Protein backbone atom coordinates (compact mmCIF):
# COMPACT_ATOMS: atom_id res chain seq x y z
CA MET A 1 28.24 11.19 0.35
CA GLU A 2 26.48 10.39 3.21
CA PRO A 3 22.51 10.45 2.62
CA LYS A 4 20.26 12.77 4.43
CA VAL A 5 17.97 10.45 5.48
CA SER A 6 17.99 6.47 6.40
CA ILE A 7 14.59 4.60 5.84
CA ILE A 8 14.52 1.82 7.86
CA VAL A 9 12.55 -1.65 6.93
CA PRO A 10 12.45 -4.62 9.67
CA VAL A 11 11.04 -7.46 7.18
CA TYR A 12 9.84 -10.75 8.32
CA ASN A 13 7.66 -13.20 6.13
CA ALA A 14 6.20 -10.01 4.11
CA GLN A 15 6.28 -11.38 0.42
CA GLU A 16 2.47 -10.35 0.19
CA TYR A 17 3.18 -6.79 0.98
CA LEU A 18 6.73 -5.66 0.82
CA LYS A 19 6.73 -4.82 -2.95
CA ARG A 20 4.16 -2.02 -2.12
CA CYS A 21 6.12 -1.08 0.88
CA VAL A 22 9.23 -0.59 -1.06
CA ASP A 23 8.03 0.81 -4.42
CA SER A 24 6.38 3.57 -2.39
CA ILE A 25 9.88 4.35 -0.79
CA LEU A 26 11.77 4.32 -3.91
CA SER A 27 9.11 6.63 -5.75
CA GLN A 28 9.40 9.14 -3.53
CA ASP A 29 10.21 12.40 -4.84
CA TYR A 30 12.62 13.22 -2.33
CA ARG A 31 15.64 11.15 -3.50
CA ASP A 32 18.55 11.86 -0.87
CA PHE A 33 18.19 8.55 1.20
CA GLU A 34 19.35 5.31 1.86
CA LEU A 35 16.83 2.46 2.56
CA LEU A 36 18.09 -0.33 4.75
CA LEU A 37 15.92 -3.49 4.39
CA MET A 38 16.41 -5.79 7.57
CA ASP A 39 15.56 -9.37 6.82
CA ASP A 40 15.01 -10.85 10.08
CA GLY A 41 15.25 -14.58 8.95
CA SER A 42 12.10 -14.76 6.76
CA LYS A 43 11.08 -17.84 5.55
CA ASP A 44 9.10 -16.98 2.65
CA ALA A 45 10.36 -15.10 -0.53
CA SER A 46 11.06 -11.66 1.21
CA GLY A 47 14.47 -12.21 1.38
CA GLU A 48 14.92 -12.52 -2.47
CA ILE A 49 12.64 -9.80 -3.16
CA CYS A 50 14.91 -7.36 -0.96
CA ASP A 51 17.87 -8.82 -2.76
CA ALA A 52 16.24 -8.02 -6.15
CA TYR A 53 15.64 -4.39 -5.12
CA ALA A 54 19.23 -3.97 -4.37
CA GLN A 55 20.30 -4.92 -7.69
CA GLN A 56 17.95 -2.42 -9.04
CA ASP A 57 18.61 0.50 -6.88
CA GLY A 58 21.78 1.80 -5.31
CA ARG A 59 20.37 3.22 -2.39
CA VAL A 60 19.11 0.11 -1.21
CA ARG A 61 21.11 -2.13 1.33
CA VAL A 62 19.94 -5.35 2.59
CA VAL A 63 21.20 -7.39 5.80
CA HIS A 64 19.97 -11.04 6.25
CA LYS A 65 19.93 -12.05 9.68
CA GLU A 66 18.70 -14.79 11.98
CA ASN A 67 15.41 -14.18 13.55
CA THR A 68 15.72 -12.33 16.89
CA GLY A 69 12.64 -10.12 16.61
CA VAL A 70 11.59 -6.57 15.58
CA SER A 71 13.04 -4.60 18.45
CA ASP A 72 16.95 -6.19 17.89
CA THR A 73 16.52 -5.98 14.03
CA ARG A 74 15.68 -2.33 14.46
CA ASN A 75 18.81 -1.89 16.97
CA GLN A 76 21.14 -3.42 14.50
CA ALA A 77 19.50 -0.89 11.57
CA LEU A 78 20.69 1.46 13.95
CA GLU A 79 24.09 0.69 14.28
CA LEU A 80 24.21 0.64 10.11
CA ALA A 81 22.19 3.96 9.49
CA ARG A 82 24.27 6.93 7.93
CA GLY A 83 21.81 9.42 7.61
CA THR A 84 21.32 12.71 9.39
CA PHE A 85 17.97 11.86 10.11
CA LEU A 86 15.80 8.75 10.56
CA GLN A 87 12.42 7.47 9.31
CA PHE A 88 10.75 4.22 10.04
CA LEU A 89 8.34 1.85 7.93
CA ASP A 90 6.75 -1.63 8.63
CA SER A 91 7.39 -4.01 5.83
CA ASP A 92 2.98 -4.01 5.40
CA ASP A 93 2.67 -0.58 5.33
CA TRP A 94 3.51 2.06 2.75
CA ILE A 95 3.24 6.02 2.29
CA VAL A 96 2.91 8.76 0.05
CA PRO A 97 5.30 10.25 -2.35
CA GLU A 98 5.72 12.90 -0.56
CA ALA A 99 6.34 11.70 2.57
CA THR A 100 10.11 11.89 2.96
CA ARG A 101 10.29 15.46 1.51
CA LEU A 102 7.73 16.84 3.80
CA LEU A 103 9.18 15.50 6.87
CA VAL A 104 12.56 16.72 6.12
CA ARG A 105 11.54 20.00 4.78
CA SER A 106 9.90 20.47 8.17
CA MET A 107 12.78 19.29 10.34
CA GLU A 108 15.00 21.61 8.40
CA GLU A 109 12.86 24.79 7.99
CA TYR A 110 11.74 24.47 11.64
CA ASN A 111 14.89 23.36 12.69
CA CYS A 112 13.03 20.71 15.14
CA ASP A 113 14.15 17.39 16.62
CA MET A 114 11.45 15.56 16.15
CA VAL A 115 8.18 15.61 13.36
CA ILE A 116 5.25 13.74 14.03
CA SER A 117 2.63 13.44 11.27
CA ASP A 118 -0.79 12.44 10.56
CA PHE A 119 -1.63 8.74 9.07
CA TYR A 120 -4.13 6.90 7.42
CA ARG A 121 -5.71 3.63 8.99
CA VAL A 122 -6.21 1.07 6.41
CA SER A 123 -8.95 -1.55 7.13
CA GLY A 124 -9.77 -3.74 4.18
CA GLU A 125 -11.12 -1.35 1.33
CA ARG A 126 -11.79 1.45 3.57
CA LEU A 127 -9.64 4.06 5.44
CA ALA A 128 -9.57 6.98 8.07
CA GLN A 129 -7.10 9.84 8.85
CA LYS A 130 -6.08 9.94 12.19
CA GLY A 131 -4.11 12.75 13.95
CA ASP A 132 -4.37 14.64 17.18
CA ILE A 133 -2.29 17.77 17.63
CA GLU A 134 -3.65 20.86 15.73
CA GLU A 135 -0.90 23.16 16.76
CA ASP A 136 0.54 24.99 13.90
CA LYS A 137 4.29 25.92 15.35
CA VAL A 138 7.24 24.55 17.06
CA MET A 139 6.49 23.09 20.46
CA SER A 140 8.84 22.53 23.62
CA ARG A 141 9.32 19.44 25.18
CA GLN A 142 6.47 20.21 27.86
CA GLU A 143 4.06 21.47 25.11
CA PHE A 144 4.29 18.11 23.17
CA ALA A 145 4.24 16.29 26.37
CA SER A 146 0.94 18.09 27.78
CA TYR A 147 -0.65 16.73 24.01
CA MET A 148 0.58 13.31 24.50
CA ILE A 149 -0.80 12.97 28.07
CA GLU A 150 -4.35 13.51 26.92
CA ASN A 151 -3.89 10.42 24.76
CA PRO A 152 -1.34 8.25 26.39
CA ALA A 153 -2.15 4.84 24.75
CA ASP A 154 -2.67 6.51 20.89
CA PHE A 155 -0.98 5.06 18.31
CA TYR A 156 -0.21 8.80 16.95
CA TYR A 157 2.24 8.89 20.01
CA GLY A 158 3.60 5.23 20.47
CA VAL A 159 4.63 4.26 17.25
CA LEU A 160 7.84 4.91 15.13
CA TRP A 161 6.50 5.06 11.49
CA ASN A 162 4.82 8.29 11.65
CA LYS A 163 7.70 10.39 12.97
CA MET A 164 11.30 11.62 11.73
CA TYR A 165 14.43 11.58 14.22
CA ARG A 166 17.80 12.99 14.42
CA ARG A 167 20.15 10.09 14.35
CA SER A 168 22.65 12.58 16.45
CA ILE A 169 20.32 12.47 19.40
CA ILE A 170 19.90 8.53 19.13
CA GLU A 171 23.39 8.12 18.87
CA GLU A 172 24.30 10.42 21.68
CA TYR A 173 22.14 9.23 24.00
CA HIS A 174 22.47 5.65 22.93
CA ILE A 175 18.70 5.03 22.47
CA ARG A 176 17.77 1.71 21.43
CA MET A 177 14.75 -0.65 21.34
CA ASP A 178 14.06 -2.49 24.36
CA THR A 179 14.55 -5.92 23.44
CA SER A 180 13.20 -7.60 26.74
CA ILE A 181 9.59 -6.22 26.22
CA SER A 182 7.41 -7.47 22.91
CA TRP A 183 4.86 -4.87 23.22
CA CYS A 184 5.04 -1.17 23.74
CA GLU A 185 8.55 -0.89 22.94
CA ASP A 186 7.78 1.53 20.39
CA PHE A 187 6.38 3.85 22.97
CA LEU A 188 9.23 3.50 25.49
CA PHE A 189 11.65 4.24 22.39
CA ASN A 190 9.71 7.48 21.82
CA LEU A 191 9.54 8.30 25.33
CA GLU A 192 13.50 8.24 25.65
CA TYR A 193 13.93 10.19 22.56
CA ILE A 194 11.62 12.90 23.81
CA ARG A 195 13.15 13.35 27.06
CA HIS A 196 16.51 14.42 24.97
CA ALA A 197 14.70 16.22 22.32
CA GLU A 198 14.06 19.97 22.66
CA SER A 199 11.62 21.01 19.60
CA PHE A 200 8.84 19.19 17.97
CA PHE A 201 6.26 19.94 15.08
CA ALA A 202 3.23 18.55 14.02
CA LEU A 203 2.72 17.97 10.31
CA GLN A 204 -0.98 17.92 9.93
CA VAL A 205 -0.94 15.83 6.60
CA PRO A 206 -1.37 11.81 6.26
CA ILE A 207 1.67 10.57 4.84
CA TYR A 208 1.67 6.87 6.09
CA TYR A 209 -0.93 3.86 5.56
CA TYR A 210 -0.85 1.73 8.17
CA LEU A 211 -2.72 -1.57 7.26
CA LYS A 212 -4.52 -3.41 10.29
CA ARG A 213 -4.40 -6.98 9.44
CA ARG A 214 -5.31 -10.09 10.97
CA GLY A 215 -2.47 -11.99 12.65
CA SER A 216 -0.62 -8.64 13.82
CA LEU A 217 0.14 -7.66 17.48
CA VAL A 218 -2.48 -4.92 17.14
CA SER A 219 -5.33 -6.96 15.63
CA GLN A 220 -4.64 -9.85 18.07
CA GLY A 221 -5.32 -7.46 21.08
CA ALA A 222 -4.49 -8.30 24.42
CA SER A 223 -6.03 -10.24 27.56
CA ILE A 224 -6.55 -8.07 30.62
CA THR A 225 -3.76 -9.82 32.53
CA ASN A 226 -1.27 -9.10 29.97
CA THR A 227 -2.64 -5.43 29.36
CA VAL A 228 -2.13 -4.85 33.09
CA ARG A 229 1.45 -6.62 33.10
CA MET A 230 2.50 -4.41 30.13
CA LYS A 231 1.40 -1.46 31.37
CA SER A 232 2.73 -1.87 35.26
CA ASN A 233 6.25 -2.74 33.70
CA ILE A 234 6.18 0.72 31.72
CA PHE A 235 4.40 2.89 33.88
CA GLU A 236 7.04 3.45 36.01
CA TYR A 237 9.28 4.96 33.36
CA TYR A 238 6.38 6.83 31.94
CA ASN A 239 5.71 8.02 35.42
CA GLU A 240 9.47 9.40 35.83
CA PHE A 241 9.42 10.94 32.36
CA TYR A 242 6.47 13.18 33.38
CA LYS A 243 8.43 14.12 36.63
CA ASP A 244 11.47 14.96 34.26
CA VAL A 245 9.25 17.12 32.08
CA TYR A 246 7.47 18.96 34.47
CA GLU A 247 8.53 20.60 37.78
CA ASP A 248 7.35 19.64 41.15
CA LYS A 249 4.62 21.76 41.76
CA ASP A 250 3.52 21.21 37.87
CA TYR A 251 3.71 17.57 38.41
CA ALA A 252 1.43 17.60 41.03
CA ASP A 253 -1.44 19.13 39.18
CA ILE A 254 -1.15 16.55 36.27
CA ARG A 255 -0.71 13.45 38.69
CA LEU A 256 -4.08 12.22 37.95
CA GLN A 257 -3.69 12.37 34.21
CA VAL A 258 -0.29 10.42 34.29
CA TYR A 259 -1.98 7.58 36.19
CA SER A 260 -4.57 7.13 33.76
CA PHE A 261 -2.22 5.42 31.82
CA LEU A 262 -3.06 2.50 33.40
CA TRP A 263 -6.35 2.04 32.20
CA ALA A 264 -6.01 3.65 28.83
CA ALA A 265 -6.91 1.43 26.11
CA ALA A 266 -4.92 1.24 22.97
CA LYS A 267 -5.96 3.42 20.08
CA ASP A 268 -5.26 3.03 16.39
CA GLY A 269 -7.49 5.35 14.90
CA GLY A 270 -10.65 2.88 13.78
CA VAL A 271 -12.28 2.92 10.62
CA LEU A 272 -15.34 4.47 11.60
CA PRO A 273 -18.77 4.67 9.58
CA GLY A 274 -18.18 7.56 7.05
CA SER A 275 -14.76 6.85 6.16
CA LYS A 276 -13.26 6.81 2.60
CA LYS A 277 -12.95 4.00 0.38
CA LEU A 278 -9.30 3.33 0.03
CA GLY A 279 -7.96 5.15 -3.26
CA GLU A 280 -10.35 7.81 -3.11
CA GLU A 281 -8.31 9.83 -0.33
CA ARG A 282 -6.05 11.34 -3.09
CA ARG A 283 -6.18 12.69 -6.23
CA ARG A 284 -5.05 10.09 -8.78
CA ILE A 285 -2.78 10.71 -11.98
CA THR A 286 -2.29 7.93 -14.59
CA ARG A 287 0.75 7.90 -17.07
CA GLU A 288 -1.93 7.32 -19.98
CA GLU A 289 -4.04 10.56 -19.11
CA VAL A 290 -0.99 13.15 -18.96
CA GLU A 291 1.15 11.65 -21.88
CA GLY A 292 1.19 13.71 -25.09
CA ASN A 293 2.70 16.85 -26.68
CA GLY A 294 1.69 20.11 -27.47
CA ALA A 295 0.45 23.41 -25.60
CA VAL A 296 -3.14 21.80 -24.77
CA ILE A 297 -1.83 18.83 -23.07
CA GLY A 298 1.24 20.69 -21.59
CA GLN A 299 -0.82 23.05 -19.83
CA TYR A 300 -2.90 20.39 -18.53
CA ARG A 301 0.05 18.19 -17.21
CA PHE A 302 1.05 21.08 -15.08
CA ARG A 303 -2.06 21.93 -14.10
CA ARG A 304 -2.76 18.01 -12.82
CA LEU A 305 0.64 18.22 -11.15
CA TYR A 306 0.16 21.34 -9.50
CA GLU A 307 -3.51 20.56 -8.10
CA TYR A 308 -2.09 17.26 -7.05
CA GLU A 309 0.65 18.85 -4.87
CA LEU A 310 -1.37 21.89 -3.87
CA ASP A 311 -4.33 19.27 -2.73
CA LEU A 312 -1.77 18.11 -0.02
CA ALA A 313 -1.17 21.78 1.35
CA ALA A 314 -4.86 22.35 1.26
CA GLN A 315 -5.69 19.14 3.32
CA LYS A 316 -2.73 20.40 5.90
CA ASN A 317 -4.53 23.65 6.26
CA MET A 318 -8.06 22.19 6.37
CA LEU A 319 -9.05 23.83 2.99
CA THR A 320 -10.64 22.35 0.07
CA LEU A 321 -8.51 22.45 -3.12
CA ASP A 322 -10.80 25.05 -4.48
CA GLU A 323 -10.13 27.38 -1.48
CA ALA A 324 -6.42 26.76 -1.79
CA LEU A 325 -6.88 27.62 -5.88
CA LEU A 326 -8.41 30.91 -4.99
CA LEU A 327 -5.97 31.90 -2.10
CA CYS A 328 -3.33 31.49 -4.62
CA ALA A 329 -4.72 33.22 -7.32
CA LEU A 330 -5.53 36.07 -5.32
CA ALA A 331 -2.03 36.25 -3.86
CA GLN A 332 -0.61 36.09 -7.39
CA CYS A 333 -2.93 38.32 -9.47
CA SER A 334 -2.84 41.79 -9.19
CA ALA A 335 -6.04 42.64 -10.71
CA CYS A 336 -8.54 40.17 -9.34
CA TYR A 337 -11.27 42.69 -9.97
CA SER A 338 -14.41 40.27 -9.61
CA ALA A 339 -15.22 36.89 -8.54
CA ARG A 340 -15.69 35.83 -11.84
CA ARG A 341 -12.29 37.12 -13.06
CA LEU A 342 -10.83 35.41 -9.84
CA GLY A 343 -12.73 32.18 -10.97
CA GLU A 344 -11.27 32.12 -14.19
CA ILE A 345 -7.48 32.53 -13.17
CA ALA A 346 -8.11 29.78 -10.50
CA GLY A 347 -10.14 27.48 -12.89
CA VAL A 348 -12.80 27.17 -10.44
CA GLY A 349 -16.06 27.38 -12.31
CA GLN A 350 -19.67 28.04 -10.73
CA PRO A 351 -21.07 26.91 -8.76
CA ARG A 352 -17.63 25.84 -6.92
CA LEU A 353 -16.53 29.12 -7.19
CA PHE A 354 -19.25 31.06 -5.19
CA LEU A 355 -19.43 27.76 -2.16
CA ALA A 356 -15.42 28.37 -2.14
CA MET A 357 -15.65 32.16 -1.73
CA GLN A 358 -18.48 31.75 1.07
CA LYS A 359 -16.45 29.13 2.74
CA LEU A 360 -12.99 31.56 2.79
CA GLU A 361 -14.90 34.67 3.78
CA ARG A 362 -16.32 32.74 6.81
CA LYS A 363 -12.71 31.65 7.73
CA LYS A 364 -11.73 35.34 7.33
CA LEU A 365 -9.18 34.58 4.90
CA ILE A 366 -10.73 37.13 2.09
CA ALA A 367 -12.64 39.99 2.26
CA PRO A 368 -14.54 42.62 -0.14
CA GLU A 369 -12.44 46.09 -0.45
CA LYS A 370 -13.90 48.59 1.73
CA PRO A 371 -15.17 51.22 -0.78
CA VAL A 372 -13.94 54.73 -0.61
CA LYS A 373 -16.50 57.33 0.68
CA GLU A 374 -16.85 60.05 -2.16
CA LYS A 375 -17.64 63.55 -1.27
CA SER A 376 -21.18 64.92 -2.07
CA ALA A 377 -21.59 66.90 -5.24
CA LYS A 378 -22.68 70.49 -5.04
CA GLU A 379 -26.45 70.68 -5.42
CA LYS A 380 -27.48 73.02 -8.35
CA PRO A 381 -29.37 76.01 -7.71
CA ALA A 382 -32.92 75.15 -7.32
CA ASP A 383 -34.21 77.82 -9.90
CA ARG A 384 -31.54 76.70 -12.69
CA ILE A 385 -33.43 74.40 -15.07
CA GLU A 386 -31.02 71.81 -16.41
CA SER A 387 -30.62 71.42 -20.25
CA THR A 388 -31.18 68.59 -22.20
CA ALA A 389 -27.18 67.95 -23.01
CA GLU A 390 -26.44 68.59 -19.11
CA LYS A 391 -28.68 65.86 -18.23
CA LYS A 392 -27.27 63.38 -20.88
CA GLU A 393 -23.80 64.20 -20.06
CA ARG A 394 -24.73 63.84 -16.03
CA THR A 395 -26.30 60.38 -17.07
CA ALA A 396 -23.31 59.24 -18.94
CA ASP A 397 -20.93 60.58 -16.12
CA LYS A 398 -22.71 58.44 -13.81
CA LYS A 399 -23.02 55.41 -15.83
CA GLU A 400 -19.24 55.71 -16.15
CA LYS A 401 -18.44 56.19 -12.56
CA SER A 402 -20.57 52.92 -11.77
CA SER A 403 -18.51 50.98 -13.76
CA GLU A 404 -15.32 52.23 -12.28
CA LYS A 405 -17.06 51.54 -8.73
CA LYS A 406 -17.78 48.02 -9.62
CA GLU A 407 -14.28 47.46 -10.96
CA LYS A 408 -12.42 48.81 -7.90
CA ASN A 409 -14.60 46.64 -5.42
CA ARG A 410 -11.97 44.17 -5.50
CA LEU A 411 -11.49 40.97 -3.28
CA LEU A 412 -8.62 41.24 -0.96
CA LEU A 413 -6.85 38.97 1.41
CA THR A 414 -6.94 39.22 5.03
CA GLU A 415 -3.94 39.21 7.12
CA GLU A 416 -4.59 35.63 7.76
CA GLY A 417 -5.31 34.80 4.18
CA ARG A 418 -1.65 36.44 3.10
CA LYS A 419 -0.27 34.10 5.58
CA LEU A 420 -1.78 31.01 4.78
CA SER A 421 -1.38 31.73 1.27
CA GLY A 422 2.09 32.16 1.30
CA GLU A 423 2.34 28.77 2.79
CA LEU A 424 0.44 27.25 -0.21
CA LEU A 425 2.63 29.11 -2.63
CA ARG A 426 5.57 26.97 -1.71
CA VAL A 427 3.99 24.08 -3.76
CA GLU A 428 5.82 25.95 -6.55
CA LYS A 429 9.15 25.51 -4.81
CA ASP A 430 8.38 21.91 -4.54
CA LEU A 431 6.86 21.55 -8.56
CA TYR A 432 10.28 23.20 -9.12
CA SER A 433 12.53 20.77 -7.65
CA VAL A 434 10.25 17.68 -8.99
CA CYS A 435 10.69 18.97 -12.60
CA MET A 436 14.38 20.05 -12.14
CA GLU A 437 15.47 16.38 -11.11
CA GLY A 438 18.58 15.29 -12.91
CA ILE A 439 19.17 18.98 -14.35
CA SER A 440 22.68 20.81 -13.24
CA ASP A 441 22.60 23.90 -11.45
CA GLU A 442 23.91 26.04 -14.46
CA GLU A 443 21.37 24.62 -16.98
CA GLN A 444 18.75 25.29 -14.20
CA LYS A 445 20.03 29.28 -14.31
CA GLN A 446 19.89 29.06 -17.92
CA MET A 447 16.01 27.79 -18.23
CA GLU A 448 15.18 30.30 -15.55
CA LYS A 449 16.75 33.18 -17.66
CA LEU A 450 14.87 31.81 -20.69
CA MET A 451 11.68 31.33 -19.03
CA GLY A 452 11.70 34.93 -18.00
CA LYS A 453 12.00 35.83 -21.56
CA ILE A 454 9.19 33.50 -22.72
CA GLN A 455 6.73 34.88 -20.18
CA GLU A 456 7.65 38.75 -21.14
CA ASN A 457 6.98 37.71 -24.74
CA MET A 458 3.72 36.14 -23.86
CA ILE A 459 2.85 39.18 -22.13
CA ARG A 460 3.82 41.54 -24.58
CA PHE A 461 1.99 39.76 -27.22
CA MET A 462 -1.36 39.55 -25.31
CA VAL A 463 -1.13 43.00 -24.11
CA LYS A 464 -1.35 45.31 -26.89
CA GLU A 465 -1.37 49.28 -25.88
CA VAL A 466 -3.41 51.44 -28.29
CA PRO A 467 -1.71 54.69 -28.86
CA GLU A 468 -4.32 57.58 -27.79
CA ASP A 469 -3.91 59.58 -30.96
CA GLU A 470 -3.75 56.65 -33.56
CA PRO A 471 -6.58 56.95 -35.90
CA GLY A 472 -9.20 54.17 -36.82
CA LEU A 473 -8.62 52.07 -33.41
CA GLU A 474 -11.17 54.05 -31.10
CA THR A 475 -13.21 51.51 -28.65
CA GLU A 476 -16.88 51.33 -29.62
CA GLU A 477 -17.71 53.45 -26.44
CA ALA A 478 -15.38 56.22 -27.60
CA GLY A 479 -17.07 56.37 -30.80
CA GLU A 480 -20.12 56.74 -29.17
CA ARG A 481 -19.34 59.54 -27.04
CA LYS A 482 -17.91 61.28 -30.33
CA GLN A 483 -21.14 61.40 -31.83
């Protein structure tokens, strides 16, 4: 059976970083892939490291070849790839555990030809998130190109490793790396692919760690002469690309922007002051802290896993984890009558609760339910004196109505909030696939039935209705009224 994804990693003298790269791939929660490790004539222990992984995992295929450069190495990998989709990594970089799953899901759910994602740019012990497109919809070729023209030399558009491609398009038009150039070949590959692709989606989640290190082409930089020569060689193609994408009249309007490519400097999203320390960008879960048996640790384990997954979806939608938890609680609970109850369900305590609620209200994702106006009561005759008993009854009714009014002042999701919470709730589907790995379809159906019964039993145990005429079970308030 052919794999869904082919992951291609060119390897050359990368023994210092290779294990981290390959481990991040093999620990993906999406399992249907093949990994092509292309050893480009390494002189260190990289080849032996690749072979060791191939012996441990049947999804790994290793090719040892003479040193011909990264472009030719990738081209040879394209000839061997069998997957429906293609994903690339550099051997000194690594990816988050959800990377392949999120890319595949976006490709399939939006039925698009390319997914482009945010990434982390790592320098030493610091990192910063890099992205460019904030459009949350499938884009046409011209729409995607209009974003790219604003930052023509941006790594976000130029590199291979923050994207997923359809192999059918690459094979149909025989798109390959240009081996005659040694810099910007990724960008030319992408331009050619975009010319033949029709739909694009931007995944606004950082899923890739790009390591900037000394000795790499990027960190070496380029002299003014080399930069001008390189850009002169590819500008003609770049110019033709936009002539092909735009009509003649529209191209005339953007011609100056196209020419800005000639003086644009390559940008990889540098690590700026205020960036995060490496390791603090994601919630971390160690095996020791989630091992154990019993109801308490089981609940804690699920909670940590749920928050880990939800945090990624929250980042994509520019929300904090607390905000995402509150939205999900409102979407799933039919009785969130107060902020206190909402916080209990979501597991968000004060003062974080009220801070998150304020942010959600400002973003117009939640709103208090509008009170229903009641008809004014008839005024009593002026000459009639109210009895003491009537006063007590009126005071009691007033308190009861006030209590009911407070209970009915519910928090509600706005239309935008409902749409966003629906996307966040897809995390449960992801968790289900993680938990059901290695379990057959028949076994899953059996478990779903059993879990349904367990849930019913739990609710029945916790909610015991009291018959109205059963003696000795009146509430304290009812007892007081009888007196």
